[in-house]
Protein backbone atom coordinates (compact mmCIF):
# COMPACT_ATOMS: atom_id res chain seq x y z
CA UNK A 1 5.89 20.37 60.42
CA UNK A 2 8.43 22.86 61.67
CA UNK A 3 9.08 26.15 59.83
CA UNK A 4 12.65 25.10 58.96
CA UNK A 5 11.43 21.81 57.43
CA UNK A 6 8.73 23.63 55.42
CA UNK A 7 11.32 26.13 54.16
CA UNK A 8 13.64 23.28 53.15
CA UNK A 9 10.82 21.47 51.30
CA UNK A 10 9.86 24.65 49.44
CA UNK A 11 13.48 25.31 48.45
CA UNK A 12 13.95 21.68 47.37
CA UNK A 13 10.81 21.80 45.23
CA UNK A 14 11.96 25.00 43.55
CA UNK A 15 15.42 23.51 42.95
CA UNK A 16 13.91 20.36 41.39
CA UNK A 17 11.73 22.42 39.02
CA UNK A 18 14.76 24.35 37.77
CA UNK A 19 16.82 21.16 37.46
CA UNK A 20 14.07 19.52 35.39
CA UNK A 21 14.07 22.43 32.94
CA UNK A 22 17.88 22.47 32.69
CA UNK A 23 18.30 18.75 32.03
CA UNK A 24 15.19 18.12 29.93
CA UNK A 25 16.18 17.07 26.43
CA UNK A 26 19.73 16.15 27.47
CA UNK A 27 19.10 13.50 30.11
CA UNK A 28 16.37 10.86 30.33
CA UNK A 29 15.21 11.42 33.90
CA UNK A 30 13.79 8.47 35.79
CA UNK A 31 12.40 8.35 39.29
CA UNK A 32 11.27 5.35 41.30
CA UNK A 33 9.75 2.41 39.49
CA UNK A 34 8.02 0.65 42.36
CA UNK A 35 6.70 -2.87 41.97
CA UNK A 36 2.93 -2.50 41.96
CA UNK A 37 1.90 -5.94 40.70
CA UNK A 38 3.07 -9.54 40.96
CA UNK A 39 2.37 -12.30 38.47
CA UNK A 40 1.48 -15.70 39.91
CA UNK A 41 4.14 -18.37 39.30
CA UNK A 42 1.67 -21.25 39.48
CA UNK A 43 2.81 -22.33 42.95
CA UNK A 44 2.12 -20.33 46.11
CA UNK A 45 5.32 -21.32 47.91
CA UNK A 46 7.38 -20.33 44.85
CA UNK A 47 5.60 -16.96 44.99
CA UNK A 48 6.80 -16.62 48.57
CA UNK A 49 10.37 -17.59 47.76
CA UNK A 50 10.51 -14.95 45.02
CA UNK A 51 8.69 -12.09 46.69
CA UNK A 52 8.12 -12.88 50.36
CA UNK A 53 4.37 -13.46 50.07
CA UNK A 54 2.02 -16.20 48.88
CA UNK A 55 0.18 -13.46 46.97
CA UNK A 56 3.38 -12.40 45.22
CA UNK A 57 5.30 -13.96 42.34
CA UNK A 58 7.14 -12.43 39.39
CA UNK A 59 7.57 -8.66 40.03
CA UNK A 60 6.26 -6.43 37.23
CA UNK A 61 9.09 -3.89 37.31
CA UNK A 62 12.11 -6.15 37.71
CA UNK A 63 14.21 -8.76 35.87
CA UNK A 64 14.32 -12.35 37.11
CA UNK A 65 16.54 -15.29 36.14
CA UNK A 66 15.70 -19.00 36.34
CA UNK A 67 18.80 -21.19 36.19
CA UNK A 68 19.07 -24.95 36.47
CA UNK A 69 20.20 -28.25 35.06
CA UNK A 70 18.42 -29.84 32.12
CA UNK A 71 14.93 -31.06 33.00
CA UNK A 72 14.40 -28.87 36.06
CA UNK A 73 11.37 -27.12 34.56
CA UNK A 74 12.86 -23.81 33.38
CA UNK A 75 10.84 -23.66 30.15
CA UNK A 76 7.75 -24.93 31.99
CA UNK A 77 8.05 -22.01 34.44
CA UNK A 78 8.57 -19.55 31.57
CA UNK A 79 5.46 -20.76 29.73
CA UNK A 80 3.48 -20.84 32.96
CA UNK A 81 4.53 -17.22 33.55
CA UNK A 82 3.07 -16.31 30.14
CA UNK A 83 -0.16 -18.16 30.92
CA UNK A 84 -0.63 -16.44 34.29
CA UNK A 85 0.46 -13.04 32.96
CA UNK A 86 -2.16 -13.21 30.21
CA UNK A 87 -4.81 -13.88 32.87
CA UNK A 88 -3.70 -10.61 34.49
CA UNK A 89 -3.99 -8.61 31.25
CA UNK A 90 -0.46 -8.89 29.86
CA UNK A 91 0.74 -9.57 26.34
CA UNK A 92 3.95 -11.57 26.01
CA UNK A 93 7.05 -11.53 23.82
CA UNK A 94 8.68 -14.97 23.94
CA UNK A 95 12.24 -15.21 22.56
CA UNK A 96 13.27 -18.84 21.99
CA UNK A 97 16.94 -19.59 21.31
CA UNK A 98 16.63 -23.39 21.60
CA UNK A 99 14.03 -23.99 18.89
CA UNK A 100 12.39 -26.72 20.96
CA UNK A 101 8.88 -25.26 21.05
CA UNK A 102 6.08 -25.08 18.51
CA UNK A 103 2.63 -23.51 18.50
CA UNK A 104 0.95 -26.63 19.90
CA UNK A 105 3.08 -26.45 23.03
CA UNK A 106 1.71 -23.00 23.81
CA UNK A 107 -1.86 -23.89 22.83
CA UNK A 108 -1.80 -27.01 25.02
CA UNK A 109 -0.63 -24.81 27.88
CA UNK A 110 -3.76 -22.69 27.54
CA UNK A 111 -1.88 -19.65 26.24
CA UNK A 112 -3.81 -17.20 24.07
CA UNK A 113 -1.85 -17.17 20.81
CA UNK A 114 -3.39 -13.83 19.79
CA UNK A 115 -1.67 -12.21 22.78
CA UNK A 116 1.71 -13.88 22.17
CA UNK A 117 4.56 -12.68 19.96
CA UNK A 118 6.90 -15.67 19.57
CA UNK A 119 10.31 -15.25 17.95
CA UNK A 120 13.21 -17.64 17.41
CA UNK A 121 16.59 -15.91 17.69
CA UNK A 122 20.11 -17.28 17.67
CA UNK A 123 22.32 -14.26 18.40
CA UNK A 124 22.75 -12.00 21.42
CA UNK A 125 22.73 -8.97 19.12
CA UNK A 126 19.34 -9.96 17.67
CA UNK A 127 17.82 -10.15 21.16
CA UNK A 128 19.41 -6.82 22.07
CA UNK A 129 17.96 -5.01 19.03
CA UNK A 130 14.54 -6.68 19.36
CA UNK A 131 14.10 -5.78 23.04
CA UNK A 132 15.30 -2.26 22.28
CA UNK A 133 12.57 -2.02 19.63
CA UNK A 134 9.99 -3.26 22.15
CA UNK A 135 11.10 -0.52 24.56
CA UNK A 136 10.98 2.25 21.94
CA UNK A 137 7.54 1.13 20.75
CA UNK A 138 6.25 0.91 24.32
CA UNK A 139 7.50 4.41 25.10
CA UNK A 140 5.79 5.82 22.01
CA UNK A 141 2.60 3.78 22.46
CA UNK A 142 1.80 3.41 26.17
CA UNK A 143 -1.13 1.34 27.35
CA UNK A 144 -0.09 -2.29 27.00
CA UNK A 145 1.01 -4.45 29.91
CA UNK A 146 4.01 -6.32 28.49
CA UNK A 147 6.10 -9.30 29.60
CA UNK A 148 9.35 -10.42 27.93
CA UNK A 149 10.75 -13.97 28.12
CA UNK A 150 14.22 -15.03 26.93
CA UNK A 151 14.53 -18.84 26.84
CA UNK A 152 17.44 -19.33 27.04
CA UNK A 153 20.59 -17.24 27.42
CA UNK A 154 22.74 -20.36 27.28
CA UNK A 155 22.06 -21.01 23.58
CA UNK A 156 22.56 -17.45 22.34
CA UNK A 157 25.62 -16.93 20.15
CA UNK A 158 27.89 -13.94 19.63
CA UNK A 159 28.27 -12.45 16.15
CA UNK A 160 31.86 -13.72 16.15
CA UNK A 161 30.75 -17.28 16.83
CA UNK A 162 28.28 -17.13 13.92
CA UNK A 163 30.92 -15.65 11.60
CA UNK A 164 33.46 -18.27 12.68
CA UNK A 165 30.96 -21.03 11.91
CA UNK A 166 30.44 -19.61 8.42
CA UNK A 167 34.22 -19.61 7.90
CA UNK A 168 34.76 -23.05 9.43
CA UNK A 169 36.74 -21.53 12.26
CA UNK A 170 36.42 -23.21 15.66
CA UNK A 171 38.33 -20.61 17.72
CA UNK A 172 37.12 -19.78 21.23
CA UNK A 173 35.62 -16.33 21.88
CA UNK A 174 37.87 -15.74 24.95
CA UNK A 175 35.18 -14.19 27.13
CA UNK A 176 33.46 -12.26 24.35
CA UNK A 177 30.15 -14.00 25.00
CA UNK A 178 30.11 -12.91 28.66
CA UNK A 179 30.94 -9.34 27.60
CA UNK A 180 28.10 -9.27 25.05
CA UNK A 181 25.62 -10.64 27.56
CA UNK A 182 26.72 -7.98 30.05
CA UNK A 183 26.19 -5.35 27.36
CA UNK A 184 22.82 -6.88 26.53
CA UNK A 185 21.49 -6.39 30.05
CA UNK A 186 23.10 -2.99 30.51
CA UNK A 187 21.30 -1.77 27.39
CA UNK A 188 17.75 -2.37 28.54
CA UNK A 189 17.38 -3.34 32.23
CA UNK A 190 16.70 0.20 33.43
CA UNK A 191 14.24 0.99 30.62
CA UNK A 192 12.30 -2.23 31.18
CA UNK A 193 11.99 -1.41 34.88
CA UNK A 194 10.90 2.15 34.10
CA UNK A 195 8.16 0.86 31.78
CA UNK A 196 7.17 -1.89 34.28
CA UNK A 197 7.94 -4.62 31.76
CA UNK A 198 8.95 -7.79 33.63
CA UNK A 199 11.79 -9.77 32.06
CA UNK A 200 12.21 -13.47 32.79
CA UNK A 201 15.22 -15.27 31.39
CA UNK A 202 16.40 -18.85 31.69
CA UNK A 203 19.92 -20.27 31.73
CA UNK A 204 21.73 -23.50 32.44
CA UNK A 205 23.89 -24.16 35.48
CA UNK A 206 27.55 -25.03 35.32
CA UNK A 207 30.07 -26.12 37.93
CA UNK A 208 32.24 -23.23 39.09
CA UNK A 209 36.04 -23.54 39.16
CA UNK A 210 36.11 -22.69 42.85
CA UNK A 211 35.58 -25.94 44.78
CA UNK A 212 33.49 -24.06 47.35
CA UNK A 213 31.32 -22.16 44.88
CA UNK A 214 29.22 -25.10 43.65
CA UNK A 215 27.10 -24.54 40.59
CA UNK A 216 26.40 -21.12 39.15
CA UNK A 217 24.38 -19.59 36.33
CA UNK A 218 25.97 -19.54 32.88
CA UNK A 219 26.45 -16.25 31.05
CA UNK A 220 28.90 -14.47 33.30
CA UNK A 221 28.21 -11.66 35.74
CA UNK A 222 25.98 -9.49 33.54
CA UNK A 223 22.72 -11.46 33.91
CA UNK A 224 23.38 -12.11 37.60
CA UNK A 225 23.98 -8.44 38.41
CA UNK A 226 21.04 -7.19 36.34
CA UNK A 227 18.43 -9.50 37.85
CA UNK A 228 16.66 -8.67 41.09
CA UNK A 229 16.03 -12.38 41.69
CA UNK A 230 17.97 -15.43 40.47
CA UNK A 231 16.46 -18.86 41.11
CA UNK A 232 18.74 -21.93 41.11
CA UNK A 233 16.89 -25.18 40.37
CA UNK A 234 17.78 -28.82 40.94
CA UNK A 235 15.56 -31.87 40.55
CA UNK A 236 14.45 -35.19 41.91
CA UNK A 237 11.89 -37.57 40.45
CA UNK A 238 8.19 -37.94 41.21
CA UNK A 239 7.15 -41.59 41.16
CA UNK A 240 3.79 -43.34 41.21
CA UNK A 241 3.70 -45.31 44.46
CA UNK A 242 0.60 -47.20 43.29
CA UNK A 243 2.56 -48.96 40.54
CA UNK A 244 4.96 -51.83 41.14
CA UNK A 245 7.65 -50.39 38.88
CA UNK A 246 7.42 -46.95 40.52
CA UNK A 247 7.12 -45.20 37.15
CA UNK A 248 8.42 -41.61 36.98
CA UNK A 249 5.48 -39.21 36.76
CA UNK A 250 7.20 -35.84 37.07
CA UNK A 251 9.96 -33.90 38.79
CA UNK A 252 10.47 -32.63 42.30
CA UNK A 253 12.02 -29.19 41.84
CA UNK A 254 14.34 -27.97 44.58
CA UNK A 255 14.63 -24.21 44.35
CA UNK A 256 17.19 -21.96 45.98
CA UNK A 257 17.74 -18.23 45.44
CA UNK A 258 21.27 -17.33 44.40
CA UNK A 259 20.25 -13.68 44.66
CA UNK A 260 17.09 -12.02 45.91
CA UNK A 261 16.40 -8.37 46.69
CA UNK A 262 12.76 -9.07 47.57
CA UNK A 263 12.81 -11.94 50.07
CA UNK A 264 15.03 -13.92 52.41
CA UNK A 265 17.05 -16.80 50.91
CA UNK A 266 14.82 -19.75 51.81
CA UNK A 267 14.98 -23.13 50.03
CA UNK A 268 11.75 -24.76 48.89
CA UNK A 269 10.41 -27.72 46.91
CA UNK A 270 7.51 -27.93 44.47
CA UNK A 271 6.30 -30.53 41.99
CA UNK A 272 5.80 -30.53 38.22
CA UNK A 273 3.76 -33.50 37.01
CA UNK A 274 4.24 -34.74 33.44
CA UNK A 275 0.46 -35.09 33.13
CA UNK A 276 -1.07 -32.49 35.47
CA UNK A 277 1.49 -29.69 35.46
CA UNK A 278 2.15 -27.71 38.62
CA UNK A 279 -0.07 -27.97 41.68
CA UNK A 280 -0.30 -24.50 43.29
CA UNK A 281 -0.52 -25.83 46.85
CA UNK A 282 2.37 -28.31 47.03
CA UNK A 283 4.83 -27.20 49.70
CA UNK A 284 2.29 -25.42 51.88
CA UNK A 285 1.55 -28.60 53.84
CA UNK A 286 4.74 -28.02 55.84
CA UNK A 287 3.48 -24.67 57.16
CA UNK A 288 -0.19 -25.23 58.02
CA UNK A 289 -1.50 -25.52 61.56
CA UNK A 290 -4.77 -24.79 63.29
CA UNK A 291 -3.41 -21.80 65.19
CA UNK A 292 -1.67 -20.36 62.12
CA UNK A 293 -4.38 -20.66 59.49
CA UNK A 294 -7.32 -22.67 60.79
CA UNK A 295 -6.44 -26.00 59.15
CA UNK A 296 -5.29 -29.11 60.96
CA UNK A 297 -5.29 -32.88 60.77
CA UNK A 298 -7.78 -34.32 63.19
CA UNK A 299 -11.52 -34.48 63.86
CA UNK A 300 -14.43 -32.35 65.05
CA UNK A 301 -16.09 -33.26 68.35
CA UNK A 302 -19.18 -31.91 70.07
CA UNK A 303 -19.29 -30.05 73.40
CA UNK A 304 -20.58 -33.24 75.02
CA UNK A 305 -17.61 -35.29 73.79
CA UNK A 306 -15.23 -32.47 74.71
CA UNK A 307 -16.49 -32.48 78.29
CA UNK A 308 -15.47 -36.15 78.64
CA UNK A 309 -11.83 -35.53 77.72
CA UNK A 310 -8.96 -35.33 80.17
CA UNK A 311 -7.53 -31.93 81.00
CA UNK A 312 -4.43 -32.60 78.88
CA UNK A 313 -6.56 -33.59 75.86
CA UNK A 314 -8.79 -30.56 76.34
CA UNK A 315 -5.72 -28.30 76.25
CA UNK A 316 -4.91 -29.55 72.74
CA UNK A 317 -8.41 -28.89 71.39
CA UNK A 318 -9.53 -25.64 69.75
CA UNK A 319 -13.03 -24.23 69.96
CA UNK A 320 -14.77 -22.88 66.83
CA UNK A 321 -18.21 -22.38 65.31
CA UNK A 322 -19.73 -24.73 62.74
CA UNK A 323 -23.27 -24.25 61.44
CA UNK A 324 -24.08 -21.99 64.39
CA UNK A 325 -22.94 -24.50 67.00
CA UNK A 326 -19.89 -24.54 69.24
CA UNK A 327 -17.66 -27.50 68.38
CA UNK A 328 -14.03 -28.45 68.98
CA UNK A 329 -11.14 -29.38 66.74
CA UNK A 330 -9.20 -32.31 68.20
CA UNK A 331 -5.76 -32.74 66.53
CA UNK A 332 -4.47 -36.18 65.62
CA UNK A 333 -1.47 -36.83 63.38
CA UNK A 334 -2.87 -40.11 62.04
CA UNK A 335 -6.38 -38.77 61.33
CA UNK A 336 -7.81 -39.44 57.87
CA UNK A 337 -9.15 -35.90 57.47
CA UNK A 338 -8.03 -32.30 57.55
CA UNK A 339 -10.49 -29.88 59.15
CA UNK A 340 -10.97 -26.40 57.69
CA UNK A 341 -12.09 -24.02 60.43
CA UNK A 342 -13.50 -21.47 58.01
CA UNK A 343 -15.75 -23.84 56.06
CA UNK A 344 -16.24 -26.50 58.76
CA UNK A 345 -15.49 -29.12 56.13
CA UNK A 346 -13.58 -32.36 56.72
CA UNK A 347 -11.29 -33.04 53.76
CA UNK A 348 -9.69 -36.48 53.18
CA UNK A 349 -5.89 -36.33 53.56
CA UNK A 350 -5.47 -37.44 49.92
CA UNK A 351 -7.14 -34.17 48.86
CA UNK A 352 -4.87 -31.90 50.87
CA UNK A 353 -3.49 -30.17 47.75
CA UNK A 354 -6.81 -28.61 46.79
CA UNK A 355 -8.81 -25.43 47.23
CA UNK A 356 -10.99 -27.27 49.72
CA UNK A 357 -8.12 -27.03 52.16
CA UNK A 358 -6.41 -23.91 50.84
CA UNK A 359 -9.30 -21.50 50.53
CA UNK A 360 -8.59 -17.79 50.05
CA UNK A 361 -9.08 -17.26 53.79
CA UNK A 362 -6.57 -19.99 54.64
CA UNK A 363 -4.04 -18.60 52.14
CA UNK A 364 -4.36 -15.10 53.61
CA UNK A 365 -4.09 -16.30 57.22
CA UNK A 366 -1.11 -18.50 56.41
CA UNK A 367 0.55 -15.64 54.54
CA UNK A 368 0.24 -13.13 57.38
CA UNK A 369 0.97 -15.47 60.30
CA UNK A 370 3.69 -17.75 58.91
CA UNK A 371 4.96 -17.03 55.42
CA UNK A 372 5.66 -13.28 55.54
CA UNK A 373 7.49 -13.49 58.89
CA UNK A 374 9.63 -16.33 57.51
CA UNK A 375 10.28 -15.13 53.94
CA UNK A 376 9.92 -11.35 53.87
CA UNK A 377 12.50 -8.81 55.00
CA UNK A 378 11.01 -6.56 57.67
CA UNK A 379 13.72 -3.90 57.48
CA UNK A 380 16.91 -2.93 55.69
CA UNK A 381 18.86 -4.14 58.73
CA UNK A 382 17.82 -7.72 57.92
CA UNK A 383 19.09 -7.33 54.35
CA UNK A 384 22.41 -5.96 55.58
CA UNK A 385 22.68 -8.75 58.17
CA UNK A 386 22.24 -11.45 55.50
CA UNK A 387 24.72 -9.73 53.19
CA UNK A 388 27.27 -9.51 56.04
CA UNK A 389 26.85 -13.22 56.82
CA UNK A 390 27.37 -14.10 53.13
CA UNK A 391 30.50 -11.93 53.06
CA UNK A 392 31.88 -13.58 56.20
CA UNK A 393 31.22 -17.06 54.72
CA UNK A 394 33.00 -15.99 51.53
CA UNK A 395 36.09 -14.85 53.50
CA UNK A 396 36.11 -18.08 55.52
CA UNK A 397 35.94 -20.21 52.38
CA UNK A 398 38.68 -18.15 50.76
CA UNK A 399 40.90 -18.54 53.81
CA UNK A 400 40.32 -22.32 53.91
CA UNK A 401 41.16 -22.53 50.21
CA UNK A 402 44.45 -20.71 50.79
């Protein structure tokens, strides 16, 4: 370190000490609130879409919105977030504005009711005051890891709407609801981040007035601006191919990020079964390969069988060790088994979505070699490049509209 740099650092440190004394008591000073933990979503590919890594998920120091049409799994994801957060030592405050849940729903999900504070609220102002009380209590009593869920913003009412109902008045609020929601998020987003309290909120989609805009999240700009990540969900139907009537057994959720400060905007699909819930591995099948993570569809052959192959077939094979012996993986798209290099096990293709295929070693290899390069920003220049492309698309659409 040069003498000039050392002198500058010393002067800066002295200046900061004096500034702290001058502003203390008048200004609530906050520094960085880095994300230091992620909460598993229940699906590894959804983790990657949110955070850029299979080992990621919901960030502990940020707000995240989940928006979608009815039946796309928004409440399922919210409850699953509570379940996984509790496994990581969190307590949860669940604010329900729809009144569609009861205690059995949470118990059947495996949620510890002793570590859940569930409240039904109808008004935006009630949510605002309640979350403010959570923040004040957390500041005065540090030590708890806390998560807050609001399910959903769409059903929250303004005070005016409630008063009008009491008076039998059906007048529109003329944008008041959007203003109150903006005020709601402005009042606590920074404090929640500072205390590392993750906030997850759900909302419904609606069709925008701009023919090029498509669907957007309800609630106006406040929730969208406050959240670090906004997921936009659509759905298809899972059907049982073994039954003649192809009975619906769940939903195929198609997820896109309307906004994401943590990862590139990649579209994904995952499944939610009506009977089995969410499989953590669905979606990863499109990214696995022998070279990427040590898993491939094919068979294992001995050195003797390998020696009999043609040169072109030999070039496709991969050597590895199994039970102390040198063997070869021979790929074949129609093979009945997947081979796991790390365990040496042959897994039937029907069991692909299991921890027999996706061991911790496979997940880590896949994450480093495929997922992070595809989903994670490597530098600020990539973020700026994506933002510039979005801006250019916006101008083009606007010009076409004119």
